[in-house]
Amino acid sequence: MSAPLFNSAISSLPLLSRGKVRDIYAVDADRLLIVTTDRLSAFDVILPDPIPKKGAVLTAVADFWFARLGHIVPNQLTGVDPESVVAAGERDQVRGRAVVVKRLQPLPIEAVVRGYVIGSGWKDYQATGAICGIALPAGLKLAAKLPSPIFTPATKADVGDHDENISFAKAQANCSAAFSARLAGSGKNGAEICAQARTAALALYEEAANYARGRGIIIADTKFEFGIDAAGTLHLIDEALTPDSSRFWPADQYQEGSNPPSYDKQFVRDYLETLDWNKKAPGPRLPAEVVARTSAKYLEAYERLTGKTL
């Protein structure tokens, strides 16, 4: 197994940005190279220890969903081999963990879909009887399945900051402001694009959740990102339905009223909660056992979903 990749170092292409997990490079005017590293963030802080195979798992899971759900909405993929756009000596940095994608203008929102009452949604429901202003039946328990999935958009936070839940009206306003110049004269507007994203997000979630349930995984909630091309056509971008962007629960351990274990970094969060740490950078080092068990959780999620091994 190759060594974990914390930071990519592709000198043959211009580096555009480093996110919590992904490094983005410019290929040309129409395409980007996205390298998914093995970095792990918790409480919006990038931790110093990479998780072996995490980047490969995230890339493989996202590619699986892009292929399976491509009939619902176009996606960012170009089909170009990432190894073909970097120097020969850099190919090991992109092998199995990178994609070449279309350059698209992202929507200025996180498209969150919730199928269960958990996390910040549970706190909101306890306080208001609603999640993000969407009224729900009284008496729901922790981790209860919602009558139907709900769309609860959020702002996109910079690295180190927290996303903020917003109303659908606010999401439409944000999209209108972001796309006013790009869509001028096209007959489209940002509010319509936002509505299309909501419809697509709900359809993606429902089909994926039904499939995953048959593989023994409950997708409690997930976050999508969308972008538009020059014609204003909506595309699914970034990652899709991975353990980083979703809450995956083992169906055989699910019980309403309790917080089920997750196939993601929850194991790391639980460990960090035992420390005297203020949840600000720099993050603490992780014990080898925590790193190994977290890597195993990511791999198990991929294997359960796809029936394959990495």
C-alpha atoms as a PDB file:
ATOM      1  CA  MET A   1       0.000   0.000   0.000  1.00  0.00           C
ATOM      2  CA  SER A   2       1.352   3.427  -0.925  1.00  0.00           C
ATOM      3  CA  ALA A   3       2.040   5.927   1.829  1.00  0.00           C
ATOM      4  CA  PRO A   4      -0.859   8.211   2.811  1.00  0.00           C
ATOM      5  CA  LEU A   5      -0.972  11.536   0.963  1.00  0.00           C
ATOM      6  CA  PHE A   6      -1.419  14.578   3.194  1.00  0.00           C
ATOM      7  CA  ASN A   7      -0.648  17.281   0.603  1.00  0.00           C
ATOM      8  CA  SER A   8      -0.319  16.785  -3.115  1.00  0.00           C
ATOM      9  CA  ALA A   9       2.570  18.514  -4.877  1.00  0.00           C
ATOM     10  CA  ILE A  10       1.705  18.735  -8.578  1.00  0.00           C
ATOM     11  CA  SER A  11       4.194  21.222 -10.006  1.00  0.00           C
ATOM     12  CA  SER A  12       3.188  20.608 -13.640  1.00  0.00           C
ATOM     13  CA  LEU A  13      -0.187  22.337 -13.080  1.00  0.00           C
ATOM     14  CA  PRO A  14      -1.147  25.576 -11.306  1.00  0.00           C
ATOM     15  CA  LEU A  15      -2.559  24.986  -7.815  1.00  0.00           C
ATOM     16  CA  LEU A  16      -5.845  26.851  -7.383  1.00  0.00           C
ATOM     17  CA  SER A  17      -6.835  25.892  -3.849  1.00  0.00           C
ATOM     18  CA  ARG A  18      -6.501  23.441  -0.989  1.00  0.00           C
ATOM     19  CA  GLY A  19      -9.688  22.547   0.848  1.00  0.00           C
ATOM     20  CA  LYS A  20     -10.177  20.396   3.909  1.00  0.00           C
ATOM     21  CA  VAL A  21      -9.597  17.259   1.840  1.00  0.00           C
ATOM     22  CA  ARG A  22      -9.191  18.172  -1.841  1.00  0.00           C
ATOM     23  CA  ASP A  23      -6.458  19.984  -3.767  1.00  0.00           C
ATOM     24  CA  ILE A  24      -7.625  21.631  -6.994  1.00  0.00           C
ATOM     25  CA  TYR A  25      -5.396  22.335  -9.987  1.00  0.00           C
ATOM     26  CA  ALA A  26      -6.047  24.040 -13.320  1.00  0.00           C
ATOM     27  CA  VAL A  27      -5.685  21.764 -16.350  1.00  0.00           C
ATOM     28  CA  ASP A  28      -6.816  24.320 -18.921  1.00  0.00           C
ATOM     29  CA  ALA A  29      -9.595  26.870 -19.450  1.00  0.00           C
ATOM     30  CA  ASP A  30     -12.282  24.172 -19.407  1.00  0.00           C
ATOM     31  CA  ARG A  31     -11.039  21.521 -16.961  1.00  0.00           C
ATOM     32  CA  LEU A  32      -9.770  21.061 -13.417  1.00  0.00           C
ATOM     33  CA  LEU A  33      -7.833  18.298 -11.693  1.00  0.00           C
ATOM     34  CA  ILE A  34      -9.222  17.411  -8.249  1.00  0.00           C
ATOM     35  CA  VAL A  35      -6.909  15.372  -6.026  1.00  0.00           C
ATOM     36  CA  THR A  36      -8.565  13.786  -2.980  1.00  0.00           C
ATOM     37  CA  THR A  37      -5.933  13.539  -0.261  1.00  0.00           C
ATOM     38  CA  ASP A  38      -5.972  11.457   2.906  1.00  0.00           C
ATOM     39  CA  ARG A  39      -6.443  14.541   5.098  1.00  0.00           C
ATOM     40  CA  LEU A  40      -9.186  14.367   7.705  1.00  0.00           C
ATOM     41  CA  SER A  41     -10.968  17.288   9.311  1.00  0.00           C
ATOM     42  CA  ALA A  42     -13.020  17.168  12.484  1.00  0.00           C
ATOM     43  CA  PHE A  43     -14.937  20.075  13.976  1.00  0.00           C
ATOM     44  CA  ASP A  44     -13.749  22.027  10.900  1.00  0.00           C
ATOM     45  CA  VAL A  45     -10.077  21.584  11.852  1.00  0.00           C
ATOM     46  CA  ILE A  46      -7.679  19.651   9.609  1.00  0.00           C
ATOM     47  CA  LEU A  47      -5.965  17.058  11.770  1.00  0.00           C
ATOM     48  CA  PRO A  48      -2.211  16.392  11.433  1.00  0.00           C
ATOM     49  CA  ASP A  49      -2.528  12.644  10.776  1.00  0.00           C
ATOM     50  CA  PRO A  50      -3.744  11.390   7.380  1.00  0.00           C
ATOM     51  CA  ILE A  51      -6.042   8.354   7.170  1.00  0.00           C
ATOM     52  CA  PRO A  52      -4.613   5.640   4.872  1.00  0.00           C
ATOM     53  CA  LYS A  53      -6.724   4.945   1.761  1.00  0.00           C
ATOM     54  CA  LYS A  54      -9.290   7.605   2.675  1.00  0.00           C
ATOM     55  CA  GLY A  55      -8.758   9.547  -0.555  1.00  0.00           C
ATOM     56  CA  ALA A  56      -9.017   6.415  -2.656  1.00  0.00           C
ATOM     57  CA  VAL A  57     -12.230   5.406  -0.883  1.00  0.00           C
ATOM     58  CA  LEU A  58     -13.844   8.822  -1.320  1.00  0.00           C
ATOM     59  CA  THR A  59     -12.925   8.919  -5.011  1.00  0.00           C
ATOM     60  CA  ALA A  60     -14.173   5.385  -5.661  1.00  0.00           C
ATOM     61  CA  VAL A  61     -17.444   5.903  -3.776  1.00  0.00           C
ATOM     62  CA  ALA A  62     -18.148   9.186  -5.576  1.00  0.00           C
ATOM     63  CA  ASP A  63     -17.358   7.643  -8.972  1.00  0.00           C
ATOM     64  CA  PHE A  64     -19.728   4.765  -8.164  1.00  0.00           C
ATOM     65  CA  TRP A  65     -22.582   7.177  -7.439  1.00  0.00           C
ATOM     66  CA  PHE A  66     -21.809   9.437 -10.421  1.00  0.00           C
ATOM     67  CA  ALA A  67     -22.181   6.403 -12.687  1.00  0.00           C
ATOM     68  CA  ARG A  68     -25.285   5.056 -10.946  1.00  0.00           C
ATOM     69  CA  LEU A  69     -27.149   8.383 -10.717  1.00  0.00           C
ATOM     70  CA  GLY A  70     -26.089  10.047 -13.942  1.00  0.00           C
ATOM     71  CA  HIS A  71     -29.599   9.737 -15.388  1.00  0.00           C
ATOM     72  CA  ILE A  72     -30.956  12.174 -12.776  1.00  0.00           C
ATOM     73  CA  VAL A  73     -28.628  15.123 -13.398  1.00  0.00           C
ATOM     74  CA  PRO A  74     -25.418  15.647 -15.433  1.00  0.00           C
ATOM     75  CA  ASN A  75     -22.190  15.568 -13.436  1.00  0.00           C
ATOM     76  CA  GLN A  76     -18.735  17.081 -13.494  1.00  0.00           C
ATOM     77  CA  LEU A  77     -16.789  14.111 -14.905  1.00  0.00           C
ATOM     78  CA  THR A  78     -14.946  14.349 -18.219  1.00  0.00           C
ATOM     79  CA  GLY A  79     -13.684  10.790 -18.541  1.00  0.00           C
ATOM     80  CA  VAL A  80     -10.112  12.080 -18.935  1.00  0.00           C
ATOM     81  CA  ASP A  81      -7.449   9.967 -17.183  1.00  0.00           C
ATOM     82  CA  PRO A  82      -5.885  12.082 -14.406  1.00  0.00           C
ATOM     83  CA  GLU A  83      -2.493  10.505 -15.069  1.00  0.00           C
ATOM     84  CA  SER A  84      -2.570  11.962 -18.590  1.00  0.00           C
ATOM     85  CA  VAL A  85      -2.607  15.599 -17.418  1.00  0.00           C
ATOM     86  CA  VAL A  86       0.336  15.565 -14.984  1.00  0.00           C
ATOM     87  CA  ALA A  87       4.059  14.958 -15.377  1.00  0.00           C
ATOM     88  CA  ALA A  88       5.254  11.352 -15.391  1.00  0.00           C
ATOM     89  CA  GLY A  89       6.861  11.701 -11.966  1.00  0.00           C
ATOM     90  CA  GLU A  90       3.583  12.939 -10.459  1.00  0.00           C
ATOM     91  CA  ARG A  91       1.293  10.142 -11.591  1.00  0.00           C
ATOM     92  CA  ASP A  92       1.532   8.257  -8.301  1.00  0.00           C
ATOM     93  CA  GLN A  93      -0.028  11.272  -6.577  1.00  0.00           C
ATOM     94  CA  VAL A  94      -3.185  11.092  -8.679  1.00  0.00           C
ATOM     95  CA  ARG A  95      -3.517   7.338  -9.305  1.00  0.00           C
ATOM     96  CA  GLY A  96      -6.793   6.117  -7.827  1.00  0.00           C
ATOM     97  CA  ARG A  97      -7.535   9.379  -5.999  1.00  0.00           C
ATOM     98  CA  ALA A  98      -8.079  12.083  -8.623  1.00  0.00           C
ATOM     99  CA  VAL A  99     -10.546  13.104 -11.329  1.00  0.00           C
ATOM    100  CA  VAL A 100     -10.448  15.543 -14.223  1.00  0.00           C
ATOM    101  CA  VAL A 101     -13.655  17.581 -14.182  1.00  0.00           C
ATOM    102  CA  LYS A 102     -15.421  20.325 -16.094  1.00  0.00           C
ATOM    103  CA  ARG A 103     -14.913  23.899 -14.935  1.00  0.00           C
ATOM    104  CA  LEU A 104     -18.326  24.926 -13.624  1.00  0.00           C
ATOM    105  CA  GLN A 105     -19.560  27.798 -11.479  1.00  0.00           C
ATOM    106  CA  PRO A 106     -20.609  26.344  -8.110  1.00  0.00           C
ATOM    107  CA  LEU A 107     -23.900  27.239  -6.494  1.00  0.00           C
ATOM    108  CA  PRO A 108     -23.164  29.304  -3.358  1.00  0.00           C
ATOM    109  CA  ILE A 109     -24.982  26.792  -1.135  1.00  0.00           C
ATOM    110  CA  GLU A 110     -24.633  23.308   0.319  1.00  0.00           C
ATOM    111  CA  ALA A 111     -27.587  21.217  -0.859  1.00  0.00           C
ATOM    112  CA  VAL A 112     -28.361  19.187   2.271  1.00  0.00           C
ATOM    113  CA  VAL A 113     -31.001  16.435   2.300  1.00  0.00           C
ATOM    114  CA  ARG A 114     -32.124  14.867   5.575  1.00  0.00           C
ATOM    115  CA  GLY A 115     -34.012  11.615   5.857  1.00  0.00           C
ATOM    116  CA  TYR A 116     -33.676  11.193   9.632  1.00  0.00           C
ATOM    117  CA  VAL A 117     -33.690  13.467  12.693  1.00  0.00           C
ATOM    118  CA  ILE A 118     -30.077  13.584  13.826  1.00  0.00           C
ATOM    119  CA  GLY A 119     -27.185  15.982  14.431  1.00  0.00           C
ATOM    120  CA  SER A 120     -27.969  19.680  14.179  1.00  0.00           C
ATOM    121  CA  GLY A 121     -31.411  18.733  12.858  1.00  0.00           C
ATOM    122  CA  TRP A 122     -32.220  16.987  16.143  1.00  0.00           C
ATOM    123  CA  LYS A 123     -31.131  20.038  18.140  1.00  0.00           C
ATOM    124  CA  ASP A 124     -33.241  22.291  15.918  1.00  0.00           C
ATOM    125  CA  TYR A 125     -36.248  19.972  16.212  1.00  0.00           C
ATOM    126  CA  GLN A 126     -35.990  19.817  19.999  1.00  0.00           C
ATOM    127  CA  ALA A 127     -35.923  23.609  20.206  1.00  0.00           C
ATOM    128  CA  THR A 128     -38.498  24.508  17.564  1.00  0.00           C
ATOM    129  CA  GLY A 129     -40.414  21.405  16.435  1.00  0.00           C
ATOM    130  CA  ALA A 130     -38.958  22.031  12.982  1.00  0.00           C
ATOM    131  CA  ILE A 131     -35.711  21.611  11.063  1.00  0.00           C
ATOM    132  CA  CYS A 132     -34.542  24.743   9.285  1.00  0.00           C
ATOM    133  CA  GLY A 133     -38.063  26.117   9.499  1.00  0.00           C
ATOM    134  CA  ILE A 134     -39.708  22.995   8.052  1.00  0.00           C
ATOM    135  CA  ALA A 135     -42.409  21.926  10.531  1.00  0.00           C
ATOM    136  CA  LEU A 136     -42.349  18.254  11.515  1.00  0.00           C
ATOM    137  CA  PRO A 137     -44.743  15.968  13.436  1.00  0.00           C
ATOM    138  CA  ALA A 138     -44.566  16.214  17.221  1.00  0.00           C
ATOM    139  CA  GLY A 139     -43.027  13.433  19.284  1.00  0.00           C
ATOM    140  CA  LEU A 140     -40.244  12.328  16.958  1.00  0.00           C
ATOM    141  CA  LYS A 141     -37.383  10.529  18.702  1.00  0.00           C
ATOM    142  CA  LEU A 142     -33.652  10.848  18.105  1.00  0.00           C
ATOM    143  CA  ALA A 143     -32.695   9.209  14.782  1.00  0.00           C
ATOM    144  CA  ALA A 144     -36.357   8.829  13.763  1.00  0.00           C
ATOM    145  CA  LYS A 145     -37.039   8.482  10.055  1.00  0.00           C
ATOM    146  CA  LEU A 146     -38.798  11.537   8.655  1.00  0.00           C
ATOM    147  CA  PRO A 147     -42.168  11.132   6.894  1.00  0.00           C
ATOM    148  CA  SER A 148     -40.318  12.146   3.726  1.00  0.00           C
ATOM    149  CA  PRO A 149     -36.831  13.558   3.062  1.00  0.00           C
ATOM    150  CA  ILE A 150     -36.411  17.331   3.429  1.00  0.00           C
ATOM    151  CA  PHE A 151     -34.115  19.812   1.698  1.00  0.00           C
ATOM    152  CA  THR A 152     -32.286  22.073   4.155  1.00  0.00           C
ATOM    153  CA  PRO A 153     -29.703  24.276   2.403  1.00  0.00           C
ATOM    154  CA  ALA A 154     -26.710  25.812   4.127  1.00  0.00           C
ATOM    155  CA  THR A 155     -24.110  28.424   3.353  1.00  0.00           C
ATOM    156  CA  LYS A 156     -20.668  27.320   2.173  1.00  0.00           C
ATOM    157  CA  ALA A 157     -18.121  28.033   4.876  1.00  0.00           C
ATOM    158  CA  ASP A 158     -14.441  28.715   4.324  1.00  0.00           C
ATOM    159  CA  VAL A 159     -11.922  26.233   5.749  1.00  0.00           C
ATOM    160  CA  GLY A 160     -12.044  26.514   9.531  1.00  0.00           C
ATOM    161  CA  ASP A 161     -15.514  28.058   9.620  1.00  0.00           C
ATOM    162  CA  HIS A 162     -18.904  26.397  10.111  1.00  0.00           C
ATOM    163  CA  ASP A 163     -21.695  26.081   7.550  1.00  0.00           C
ATOM    164  CA  GLU A 164     -24.865  27.934   8.512  1.00  0.00           C
ATOM    165  CA  ASN A 165     -28.355  26.580   7.845  1.00  0.00           C
ATOM    166  CA  ILE A 166     -30.499  28.959   5.779  1.00  0.00           C
ATOM    167  CA  SER A 167     -34.053  29.032   4.447  1.00  0.00           C
ATOM    168  CA  PHE A 168     -34.856  27.981   0.899  1.00  0.00           C
ATOM    169  CA  ALA A 169     -35.821  31.597   0.145  1.00  0.00           C
ATOM    170  CA  LYS A 170     -32.372  32.730   1.301  1.00  0.00           C
ATOM    171  CA  ALA A 171     -30.751  30.027  -0.804  1.00  0.00           C
ATOM    172  CA  GLN A 172     -32.638  31.265  -3.855  1.00  0.00           C
ATOM    173  CA  ALA A 173     -31.578  34.834  -3.114  1.00  0.00           C
ATOM    174  CA  ASN A 174     -27.939  33.757  -2.822  1.00  0.00           C
ATOM    175  CA  CYS A 175     -28.108  31.922  -6.150  1.00  0.00           C
ATOM    176  CA  SER A 176     -29.789  34.897  -7.827  1.00  0.00           C
ATOM    177  CA  ALA A 177     -27.029  37.207  -6.640  1.00  0.00           C
ATOM    178  CA  ALA A 178     -24.256  34.803  -7.677  1.00  0.00           C
ATOM    179  CA  PHE A 179     -25.595  34.054 -11.156  1.00  0.00           C
ATOM    180  CA  SER A 180     -27.164  37.355 -12.223  1.00  0.00           C
ATOM    181  CA  ALA A 181     -24.314  38.241 -14.589  1.00  0.00           C
ATOM    182  CA  ARG A 182     -23.712  34.728 -15.890  1.00  0.00           C
ATOM    183  CA  LEU A 183     -27.376  34.086 -16.706  1.00  0.00           C
ATOM    184  CA  ALA A 184     -28.127  37.499 -18.190  1.00  0.00           C
ATOM    185  CA  GLY A 185     -29.932  37.062 -21.498  1.00  0.00           C
ATOM    186  CA  SER A 186     -30.254  33.278 -21.094  1.00  0.00           C
ATOM    187  CA  GLY A 187     -33.884  33.296 -19.979  1.00  0.00           C
ATOM    188  CA  LYS A 188     -32.855  31.577 -16.742  1.00  0.00           C
ATOM    189  CA  ASN A 189     -32.387  32.959 -13.240  1.00  0.00           C
ATOM    190  CA  GLY A 190     -30.690  31.932 -10.022  1.00  0.00           C
ATOM    191  CA  ALA A 191     -33.939  31.216  -8.170  1.00  0.00           C
ATOM    192  CA  GLU A 192     -34.933  28.662 -10.825  1.00  0.00           C
ATOM    193  CA  ILE A 193     -31.476  27.074 -10.698  1.00  0.00           C
ATOM    194  CA  CYS A 194     -31.816  26.746  -6.919  1.00  0.00           C
ATOM    195  CA  ALA A 195     -35.221  25.074  -7.319  1.00  0.00           C
ATOM    196  CA  GLN A 196     -33.726  22.649  -9.843  1.00  0.00           C
ATOM    197  CA  ALA A 197     -30.983  21.830  -7.335  1.00  0.00           C
ATOM    198  CA  ARG A 198     -33.562  21.079  -4.654  1.00  0.00           C
ATOM    199  CA  THR A 199     -35.474  18.742  -6.979  1.00  0.00           C
ATOM    200  CA  ALA A 200     -32.278  17.010  -8.091  1.00  0.00           C
ATOM    201  CA  ALA A 201     -30.933  16.661  -4.544  1.00  0.00           C
ATOM    202  CA  LEU A 202     -34.120  15.010  -3.294  1.00  0.00           C
ATOM    203  CA  ALA A 203     -34.218  12.636  -6.269  1.00  0.00           C
ATOM    204  CA  LEU A 204     -30.540  11.717  -5.840  1.00  0.00           C
ATOM    205  CA  TYR A 205     -30.990  11.070  -2.138  1.00  0.00           C
ATOM    206  CA  GLU A 206     -34.096   8.933  -2.508  1.00  0.00           C
ATOM    207  CA  GLU A 207     -32.620   6.684  -5.199  1.00  0.00           C
ATOM    208  CA  ALA A 208     -29.304   6.348  -3.373  1.00  0.00           C
ATOM    209  CA  ALA A 209     -30.973   5.693  -0.004  1.00  0.00           C
ATOM    210  CA  ASN A 210     -33.147   2.943  -1.482  1.00  0.00           C
ATOM    211  CA  TYR A 211     -30.123   1.277  -3.079  1.00  0.00           C
ATOM    212  CA  ALA A 212     -27.955   1.581   0.043  1.00  0.00           C
ATOM    213  CA  ARG A 213     -30.665   0.136   2.284  1.00  0.00           C
ATOM    214  CA  GLY A 214     -30.517  -2.994   0.172  1.00  0.00           C
ATOM    215  CA  ARG A 215     -26.786  -3.156   0.904  1.00  0.00           C
ATOM    216  CA  GLY A 216     -27.298  -2.825   4.647  1.00  0.00           C
ATOM    217  CA  ILE A 217     -26.569   0.900   4.935  1.00  0.00           C
ATOM    218  CA  ILE A 218     -28.928   3.694   5.967  1.00  0.00           C
ATOM    219  CA  ILE A 219     -28.054   7.094   4.494  1.00  0.00           C
ATOM    220  CA  ALA A 220     -29.381   9.333   7.245  1.00  0.00           C
ATOM    221  CA  ASP A 221     -28.484  12.584   5.516  1.00  0.00           C
ATOM    222  CA  THR A 222     -26.123  13.886   2.877  1.00  0.00           C
ATOM    223  CA  LYS A 223     -24.718  17.045   1.315  1.00  0.00           C
ATOM    224  CA  PHE A 224     -24.563  17.675  -2.424  1.00  0.00           C
ATOM    225  CA  GLU A 225     -22.883  20.459  -4.342  1.00  0.00           C
ATOM    226  CA  PHE A 226     -24.006  21.687  -7.732  1.00  0.00           C
ATOM    227  CA  GLY A 227     -22.625  23.965 -10.405  1.00  0.00           C
ATOM    228  CA  ILE A 228     -23.740  25.393 -13.735  1.00  0.00           C
ATOM    229  CA  ASP A 229     -22.064  25.629 -17.124  1.00  0.00           C
ATOM    230  CA  ALA A 230     -22.089  28.599 -19.476  1.00  0.00           C
ATOM    231  CA  ALA A 231     -25.605  27.692 -20.641  1.00  0.00           C
ATOM    232  CA  GLY A 232     -26.918  27.537 -17.073  1.00  0.00           C
ATOM    233  CA  THR A 233     -27.257  23.735 -17.088  1.00  0.00           C
ATOM    234  CA  LEU A 234     -27.158  22.224 -13.600  1.00  0.00           C
ATOM    235  CA  HIS A 235     -24.414  19.668 -12.817  1.00  0.00           C
ATOM    236  CA  LEU A 236     -23.586  17.553  -9.771  1.00  0.00           C
ATOM    237  CA  ILE A 237     -20.049  18.463  -8.677  1.00  0.00           C
ATOM    238  CA  ASP A 238     -17.476  17.898  -5.916  1.00  0.00           C
ATOM    239  CA  GLU A 239     -18.190  14.555  -4.209  1.00  0.00           C
ATOM    240  CA  ALA A 240     -21.417  12.608  -3.900  1.00  0.00           C
ATOM    241  CA  LEU A 241     -22.777  10.365  -1.151  1.00  0.00           C
ATOM    242  CA  THR A 242     -19.408   9.560   0.429  1.00  0.00           C
ATOM    243  CA  PRO A 243     -18.705   8.879   4.113  1.00  0.00           C
ATOM    244  CA  ASP A 244     -17.363  12.453   4.329  1.00  0.00           C
ATOM    245  CA  SER A 245     -20.460  14.129   2.893  1.00  0.00           C
ATOM    246  CA  SER A 246     -23.057  11.748   4.340  1.00  0.00           C
ATOM    247  CA  ARG A 247     -24.080  10.025   7.533  1.00  0.00           C
ATOM    248  CA  PHE A 248     -23.977   6.262   6.875  1.00  0.00           C
ATOM    249  CA  TRP A 249     -25.465   3.928   9.488  1.00  0.00           C
ATOM    250  CA  PRO A 250     -25.313   0.109   9.538  1.00  0.00           C
ATOM    251  CA  ALA A 251     -28.942  -0.931   9.123  1.00  0.00           C
ATOM    252  CA  ASP A 252     -28.557  -3.903  11.457  1.00  0.00           C
ATOM    253  CA  GLN A 253     -27.511  -1.587  14.324  1.00  0.00           C
ATOM    254  CA  TYR A 254     -30.150   1.091  13.799  1.00  0.00           C
ATOM    255  CA  GLN A 255     -32.566   1.729  16.622  1.00  0.00           C
ATOM    256  CA  GLU A 256     -34.818   4.751  16.911  1.00  0.00           C
ATOM    257  CA  GLY A 257     -34.068   6.730  20.061  1.00  0.00           C
ATOM    258  CA  SER A 258     -30.300   6.198  20.008  1.00  0.00           C
ATOM    259  CA  ASN A 259     -27.445   7.574  17.918  1.00  0.00           C
ATOM    260  CA  PRO A 260     -26.292   4.746  15.619  1.00  0.00           C
ATOM    261  CA  PRO A 261     -22.592   4.183  14.834  1.00  0.00           C
ATOM    262  CA  SER A 262     -21.411   5.648  11.547  1.00  0.00           C
ATOM    263  CA  TYR A 263     -19.191   4.568   8.660  1.00  0.00           C
ATOM    264  CA  ASP A 264     -17.255   7.810   8.745  1.00  0.00           C
ATOM    265  CA  LYS A 265     -15.060   9.959  10.977  1.00  0.00           C
ATOM    266  CA  GLN A 266     -17.445   9.744  13.933  1.00  0.00           C
ATOM    267  CA  PHE A 267     -14.964   7.360  15.550  1.00  0.00           C
ATOM    268  CA  VAL A 268     -12.396  10.189  15.435  1.00  0.00           C
ATOM    269  CA  ARG A 269     -14.893  12.737  16.750  1.00  0.00           C
ATOM    270  CA  ASP A 270     -15.728  10.466  19.679  1.00  0.00           C
ATOM    271  CA  TYR A 271     -12.033  10.149  20.531  1.00  0.00           C
ATOM    272  CA  LEU A 272     -11.481  13.913  20.268  1.00  0.00           C
ATOM    273  CA  GLU A 273     -14.377  14.550  22.631  1.00  0.00           C
ATOM    274  CA  THR A 274     -12.394  12.760  25.357  1.00  0.00           C
ATOM    275  CA  LEU A 275      -9.520  15.254  25.069  1.00  0.00           C
ATOM    276  CA  ASP A 276      -8.969  18.635  26.630  1.00  0.00           C
ATOM    277  CA  TRP A 277      -8.983  20.403  23.251  1.00  0.00           C
ATOM    278  CA  ASN A 278     -10.770  23.628  22.338  1.00  0.00           C
ATOM    279  CA  LYS A 279     -11.635  22.406  18.804  1.00  0.00           C
ATOM    280  CA  LYS A 280      -9.411  25.046  17.237  1.00  0.00           C
ATOM    281  CA  ALA A 281      -6.290  24.628  15.112  1.00  0.00           C
ATOM    282  CA  PRO A 282      -3.868  23.035  15.504  1.00  0.00           C
ATOM    283  CA  GLY A 283      -5.622  19.710  15.922  1.00  0.00           C
ATOM    284  CA  PRO A 284      -4.211  16.981  18.160  1.00  0.00           C
ATOM    285  CA  ARG A 285      -2.289  13.944  16.921  1.00  0.00           C
ATOM    286  CA  LEU A 286      -4.274  10.713  16.634  1.00  0.00           C
ATOM    287  CA  PRO A 287      -3.220   7.382  18.154  1.00  0.00           C
ATOM    288  CA  ALA A 288      -2.313   4.704  15.618  1.00  0.00           C
ATOM    289  CA  GLU A 289      -5.320   2.617  16.675  1.00  0.00           C
ATOM    290  CA  VAL A 290      -7.739   5.477  15.957  1.00  0.00           C
ATOM    291  CA  VAL A 291      -6.155   6.046  12.536  1.00  0.00           C
ATOM    292  CA  ALA A 292      -6.348   2.340  11.669  1.00  0.00           C
ATOM    293  CA  ARG A 293      -9.947   1.895  12.809  1.00  0.00           C
ATOM    294  CA  THR A 294     -11.048   5.014  10.942  1.00  0.00           C
ATOM    295  CA  SER A 295      -9.411   3.757   7.741  1.00  0.00           C
ATOM    296  CA  ALA A 296     -11.182   0.422   8.204  1.00  0.00           C
ATOM    297  CA  LYS A 297     -14.554   2.181   8.578  1.00  0.00           C
ATOM    298  CA  TYR A 298     -14.100   4.019   5.277  1.00  0.00           C
ATOM    299  CA  LEU A 299     -13.075   0.820   3.491  1.00  0.00           C
ATOM    300  CA  GLU A 300     -16.042  -1.088   4.923  1.00  0.00           C
ATOM    301  CA  ALA A 301     -18.441   1.577   3.659  1.00  0.00           C
ATOM    302  CA  TYR A 302     -17.075   1.228   0.125  1.00  0.00           C
ATOM    303  CA  GLU A 303     -17.168  -2.561   0.222  1.00  0.00           C
ATOM    304  CA  ARG A 304     -20.717  -2.681   1.569  1.00  0.00           C
ATOM    305  CA  LEU A 305     -22.001  -0.225  -1.030  1.00  0.00           C
ATOM    306  CA  THR A 306     -20.287  -1.646  -4.075  1.00  0.00           C
ATOM    307  CA  GLY A 307     -19.616  -5.293  -3.237  1.00  0.00           C
ATOM    308  CA  LYS A 308     -15.996  -4.706  -4.318  1.00  0.00           C
ATOM    309  CA  THR A 309     -12.678  -4.266  -2.519  1.00  0.00           C
ATOM    310  CA  LEU A 310     -10.008  -1.626  -3.037  1.00  0.00           C
END
